[in-house]
Protein backbone atom coordinates (compact mmCIF):
# COMPACT_ATOMS: atom_id res chain seq x y z
CA GLY A 1 -8.71 -49.46 16.26
CA ASP A 2 -7.91 -46.52 13.99
CA GLU A 3 -5.38 -45.10 16.46
CA ASP A 4 -3.15 -48.18 15.96
CA ARG A 5 -2.74 -47.56 12.22
CA GLU A 6 0.45 -45.84 11.17
CA GLU A 7 0.40 -43.22 8.46
CA PRO A 8 2.22 -44.45 5.35
CA VAL A 9 5.58 -42.80 4.78
CA LYS A 10 5.53 -40.79 1.56
CA PRO A 11 8.76 -40.39 -0.40
CA ARG A 12 10.22 -36.89 -0.52
CA VAL A 13 11.46 -35.58 -3.86
CA PRO A 14 13.73 -32.51 -3.70
CA MET A 15 12.57 -29.49 -5.72
CA GLU A 16 16.03 -29.34 -7.32
CA ALA A 17 15.53 -32.85 -8.76
CA CYS A 18 12.22 -31.76 -10.32
CA LEU A 19 13.81 -28.67 -11.86
CA ASP A 20 16.80 -30.66 -13.13
CA ALA A 21 14.46 -33.17 -14.80
CA PHE A 22 12.35 -30.40 -16.35
CA PHE A 23 15.31 -28.48 -17.77
CA SER A 24 17.30 -31.51 -18.95
CA GLU A 25 17.60 -32.41 -22.64
CA THR A 26 15.12 -34.95 -23.96
CA PRO A 27 15.65 -36.91 -27.20
CA VAL A 28 12.96 -36.63 -29.88
CA GLU A 29 12.84 -39.76 -32.04
CA ASP A 30 11.96 -39.55 -35.75
CA TYR A 31 12.33 -35.78 -35.90
CA MET A 32 11.87 -34.52 -39.46
CA SER A 33 14.44 -31.81 -40.08
CA PRO A 34 13.00 -28.86 -42.01
CA VAL A 35 16.51 -28.07 -43.28
CA THR A 36 17.69 -31.48 -44.52
CA GLY A 37 14.31 -33.15 -44.99
CA GLN A 38 15.62 -36.25 -43.22
CA LYS A 39 14.42 -38.02 -40.09
CA GLY A 40 16.76 -38.29 -37.17
CA ILE A 41 17.10 -37.79 -33.45
CA ALA A 42 16.85 -34.25 -32.13
CA GLN A 43 17.32 -32.87 -28.63
CA LYS A 44 14.56 -30.86 -26.94
CA ARG A 45 15.37 -28.51 -24.09
CA GLN A 46 13.16 -26.29 -21.93
CA GLY A 47 14.47 -23.00 -20.65
CA ILE A 48 13.67 -19.58 -19.25
CA SER A 49 15.28 -16.68 -21.08
CA THR A 50 14.51 -14.02 -18.46
CA PHE A 51 13.36 -14.49 -14.92
CA PRO A 52 10.27 -12.61 -13.80
CA LYS A 53 10.10 -10.83 -10.46
CA TYR A 54 7.81 -13.61 -9.20
CA LEU A 55 7.96 -17.18 -10.44
CA ILE A 56 4.97 -19.41 -9.78
CA LEU A 57 5.39 -23.15 -10.19
CA HIS A 58 2.55 -25.63 -10.55
CA MET A 59 3.80 -29.04 -9.50
CA CYS A 60 2.00 -31.84 -11.32
CA ARG A 61 2.91 -35.18 -9.78
CA TYR A 62 1.81 -37.29 -12.73
CA VAL A 63 3.69 -39.78 -14.88
CA VAL A 64 2.60 -41.78 -17.89
CA GLY A 65 2.58 -45.50 -17.12
CA ASP A 66 3.49 -48.40 -19.38
CA ASP A 67 -0.16 -48.55 -20.45
CA TRP A 68 -0.03 -44.85 -21.51
CA ARG A 69 -2.42 -43.87 -18.71
CA PRO A 70 -1.56 -41.02 -16.33
CA LYS A 71 -0.80 -42.03 -12.78
CA LYS A 72 -0.47 -39.66 -9.84
CA LEU A 73 2.65 -40.02 -7.73
CA ASP A 74 1.97 -40.09 -4.00
CA CYS A 75 5.01 -38.13 -2.86
CA LEU A 76 5.97 -34.88 -1.15
CA VAL A 77 7.91 -32.10 -2.88
CA PRO A 78 9.02 -29.64 -0.22
CA ALA A 79 9.43 -26.17 -1.75
CA PRO A 80 12.25 -23.92 -0.51
CA PRO A 81 11.34 -20.28 0.25
CA THR A 82 13.88 -19.14 -2.37
CA LEU A 83 15.34 -20.77 -5.48
């Protein structure tokens, strides 16, 4: 019956890993430099210049697959009470 089925174990992704991935540098291929007028590889980086009193994060557990379609990750991201 239904009581014999086990719940699937969902992977746990630490919040720190999500923040590290978000704030890491990402290469931008074929970037056209406005200064030199040449294409090259640039580095893009996200950041926060000043921290607000309250920081609200919206966790989107989506990735783009090989077929360029969004796929939702079935995982848990436990949030600590403080960062």
